[in-house]
Amino acid sequence: MLIHALCWIHAERVLAKLLGFNEPQREALASVRSELWAIYDALKAYKEAPEALTAAAIEARFDTLCATRTGYASLDQALKRMRRNREELLRVLQRPELPLHNNLSESDIRDYVKKRKISGSTRSASGRRCRDTFASLKKTCRKNQLSFWQYLQDRVFGWHRIAPLAQWIFEATPTGANLPVHGP
């Protein structure tokens, strides 16, 4: 089962887009953003040393922040939205191994997005599958300090001197012993 948590960076972007039209609104926005980042820092510390009392304090702090009414309608709406997403934003309190943001995942697809913007998309479903497969292989090789070119040569020429990527991933994963292994 996939355990889903929301990205704190994306949650804060809603606040970052707000400007505030007068000084009280700007002050309220700065105060809310400051408290949000303080909660984020507390969550990072919690991940390192999870404790039930700390989790309860973080939850209370989050609830207090989301219950805040500033009089700045857009900011109050953003806080209501964060309260609706409470479970997913605070999921790390039950599962400290989960990341607080997905910036690493986004950087994984950045090459693909840049290429798509420059050259447009593929002409067929087959072309899309090929592009996606090669992009995935390239990123996986790069993450495991393997030469993508050497890996391709190894597979194309049938040398099989380089271990399958699944094996590299399995061995590189700290909890690799708990991952299922498919194939021979």
Protein backbone atom coordinates (compact mmCIF):
# COMPACT_ATOMS: atom_id res chain seq x y z
CA MET A 1 0.00 0.00 0.00
CA LEU A 2 1.25 3.47 -0.90
CA ILE A 3 1.54 5.83 2.06
CA HIS A 4 0.91 9.38 0.85
CA ALA A 5 2.11 12.56 2.53
CA LEU A 6 1.81 16.09 1.21
CA CYS A 7 4.81 18.22 0.37
CA TRP A 8 5.42 21.05 2.84
CA ILE A 9 7.21 23.12 0.20
CA HIS A 10 4.11 23.03 -2.00
CA ALA A 11 1.84 23.82 0.96
CA GLU A 12 3.92 26.92 1.71
CA ARG A 13 3.94 28.08 -1.92
CA VAL A 14 0.30 29.12 -1.53
CA LEU A 15 1.42 31.52 1.21
CA ALA A 16 4.47 32.66 -0.75
CA LYS A 17 2.22 33.85 -3.58
CA LEU A 18 0.23 36.12 -1.28
CA LEU A 19 1.34 39.74 -1.11
CA GLY A 20 -0.77 41.55 1.44
CA PHE A 21 -2.30 44.86 0.41
CA ASN A 22 -1.58 46.75 3.62
CA GLU A 23 0.77 46.56 6.58
CA PRO A 24 -1.49 44.44 8.86
CA GLN A 25 -1.92 41.86 6.07
CA ARG A 26 1.82 41.78 5.38
CA GLU A 27 2.55 41.36 9.10
CA ALA A 28 -0.03 38.56 9.43
CA LEU A 29 1.43 36.81 6.40
CA ALA A 30 4.99 37.10 7.73
CA SER A 31 3.88 35.77 11.12
CA VAL A 32 2.04 32.78 9.61
CA ARG A 33 4.93 31.91 7.29
CA SER A 34 7.40 32.17 10.16
CA GLU A 35 5.31 29.82 12.32
CA LEU A 36 4.84 27.41 9.41
CA TRP A 37 8.61 27.17 8.89
CA ALA A 38 9.10 26.74 12.65
CA ILE A 39 6.70 23.76 12.55
CA TYR A 40 8.57 22.41 9.53
CA ASP A 41 11.86 22.65 11.48
CA ALA A 42 10.22 20.88 14.43
CA LEU A 43 9.10 18.09 12.08
CA LYS A 44 12.65 17.73 10.74
CA ALA A 45 13.95 17.40 14.31
CA TYR A 46 11.14 14.94 15.11
CA LYS A 47 12.20 12.71 12.21
CA GLU A 48 15.64 12.39 13.83
CA ALA A 49 14.27 11.54 17.31
CA PRO A 50 10.56 10.65 17.25
CA GLU A 51 8.77 10.97 20.61
CA ALA A 52 5.03 10.91 21.38
CA LEU A 53 5.15 14.10 23.47
CA THR A 54 6.95 15.96 20.69
CA ALA A 55 4.40 14.71 18.15
CA ALA A 56 1.52 15.94 20.31
CA ALA A 57 3.16 19.35 20.70
CA ILE A 58 3.70 19.66 16.93
CA GLU A 59 0.08 18.67 16.25
CA ALA A 60 -1.17 21.27 18.75
CA ARG A 61 1.06 23.93 17.21
CA PHE A 62 -0.19 23.07 13.71
CA ASP A 63 -3.82 23.14 14.87
CA THR A 64 -3.30 26.53 16.53
CA LEU A 65 -1.75 27.92 13.36
CA CYS A 66 -4.57 26.64 11.16
CA ALA A 67 -7.22 28.01 13.55
CA THR A 68 -5.70 31.49 13.33
CA ARG A 69 -7.99 34.11 11.81
CA THR A 70 -6.03 37.07 10.51
CA GLY A 71 -8.72 39.13 8.83
CA TYR A 72 -6.81 38.71 5.56
CA ALA A 73 -9.32 36.59 3.58
CA SER A 74 -6.82 34.94 1.22
CA LEU A 75 -4.51 34.00 4.08
CA ASP A 76 -7.41 32.68 6.16
CA GLN A 77 -8.51 30.52 3.18
CA ALA A 78 -4.96 29.15 2.82
CA LEU A 79 -4.95 28.22 6.53
CA LYS A 80 -8.33 26.47 6.15
CA ARG A 81 -6.91 24.49 3.23
CA MET A 82 -3.91 23.48 5.32
CA ARG A 83 -6.27 22.34 8.09
CA ARG A 84 -8.16 20.19 5.55
CA ASN A 85 -4.81 18.63 4.55
CA ARG A 86 -3.73 18.11 8.18
CA GLU A 87 -3.56 14.32 8.03
CA GLU A 88 -1.30 14.26 4.96
CA LEU A 89 0.90 17.15 6.12
CA LEU A 90 1.46 15.58 9.54
CA ARG A 91 1.72 11.97 8.34
CA VAL A 92 5.44 12.06 9.16
CA LEU A 93 4.45 11.98 12.85
CA GLN A 94 3.24 8.39 12.34
CA ARG A 95 5.84 7.52 9.69
CA PRO A 96 9.11 9.42 10.38
CA GLU A 97 10.79 7.77 7.38
CA LEU A 98 8.58 9.74 4.97
CA PRO A 99 10.07 12.85 3.37
CA LEU A 100 8.64 16.27 4.22
CA HIS A 101 8.88 17.43 0.62
CA ASN A 102 9.11 15.93 -2.85
CA ASN A 103 11.81 18.17 -4.30
CA LEU A 104 14.02 15.14 -5.00
CA SER A 105 11.23 13.55 -7.04
CA GLU A 106 10.67 16.78 -8.92
CA SER A 107 14.36 17.07 -9.75
CA ASP A 108 14.22 13.52 -11.13
CA ILE A 109 11.81 14.60 -13.86
CA ARG A 110 13.35 18.03 -14.51
CA ASP A 111 15.43 16.75 -17.49
CA TYR A 112 12.34 15.29 -19.09
CA VAL A 113 10.33 18.49 -18.60
CA LYS A 114 13.09 20.64 -20.13
CA LYS A 115 13.36 18.33 -23.14
CA ARG A 116 9.57 18.31 -23.60
CA LYS A 117 9.46 22.13 -23.52
CA ILE A 118 12.18 22.38 -26.16
CA SER A 119 11.17 19.63 -28.56
CA GLY A 120 7.50 19.10 -27.86
CA SER A 121 6.16 15.67 -27.14
CA THR A 122 6.58 12.34 -28.87
CA ARG A 123 4.53 11.29 -31.88
CA SER A 124 3.33 7.94 -30.57
CA ALA A 125 2.65 5.96 -27.43
CA SER A 126 5.63 3.77 -28.31
CA GLY A 127 7.89 6.82 -28.55
CA ARG A 128 6.62 8.05 -25.18
CA ARG A 129 7.34 4.66 -23.57
CA CYS A 130 10.86 4.62 -25.06
CA ARG A 131 11.56 8.17 -23.91
CA ASP A 132 10.27 7.44 -20.40
CA THR A 133 12.20 4.17 -20.15
CA PHE A 134 15.49 5.70 -21.24
CA ALA A 135 15.00 8.73 -18.98
CA SER A 136 14.35 6.41 -16.04
CA LEU A 137 17.38 4.24 -16.84
CA LYS A 138 19.60 7.33 -17.17
CA LYS A 139 18.47 8.79 -13.82
CA THR A 140 18.80 5.43 -12.07
CA CYS A 141 22.33 4.96 -13.42
CA ARG A 142 23.26 8.49 -12.39
CA LYS A 143 21.92 7.97 -8.85
CA ASN A 144 23.98 4.80 -8.51
CA GLN A 145 27.19 6.36 -9.93
CA LEU A 146 27.01 4.17 -13.03
CA SER A 147 27.84 5.30 -16.53
CA PHE A 148 24.59 5.28 -18.49
CA TRP A 149 26.51 4.76 -21.73
CA GLN A 150 28.46 1.81 -20.31
CA TYR A 151 25.26 0.32 -18.92
CA LEU A 152 23.57 0.57 -22.34
CA GLN A 153 26.58 -0.99 -24.09
CA ASP A 154 26.64 -3.78 -21.52
CA ARG A 155 23.00 -4.62 -22.21
CA VAL A 156 23.03 -4.10 -26.01
CA PHE A 157 26.13 -6.25 -26.55
CA GLY A 158 24.97 -8.86 -24.02
CA TRP A 159 28.13 -8.65 -21.89
CA HIS A 160 26.24 -8.54 -18.56
CA ARG A 161 29.33 -7.36 -16.71
CA ILE A 162 27.24 -4.76 -14.87
CA ALA A 163 24.70 -6.07 -12.36
CA PRO A 164 21.03 -5.41 -13.09
CA LEU A 165 19.83 -2.01 -11.90
CA ALA A 166 17.32 -3.67 -9.56
CA GLN A 167 20.26 -5.22 -7.71
CA TRP A 168 22.03 -1.83 -7.47
CA ILE A 169 18.87 -0.24 -6.07
CA PHE A 170 18.30 -3.08 -3.63
CA GLU A 171 21.84 -2.88 -2.30
CA ALA A 172 21.79 0.92 -2.09
CA THR A 173 18.52 1.07 -0.14
CA PRO A 174 19.03 1.21 3.65
CA THR A 175 15.98 -0.98 4.17
CA GLY A 176 16.82 -3.10 1.15
CA ALA A 177 16.27 -6.27 3.12
CA ASN A 178 12.57 -5.35 3.38
CA LEU A 179 12.06 -4.70 -0.34
CA PRO A 180 10.60 -7.39 -2.57
CA VAL A 181 12.92 -8.67 -5.28
CA HIS A 182 11.42 -9.85 -8.57
CA GLY A 183 13.06 -11.94 -11.21
CA PRO A 184 15.85 -14.53 -11.08
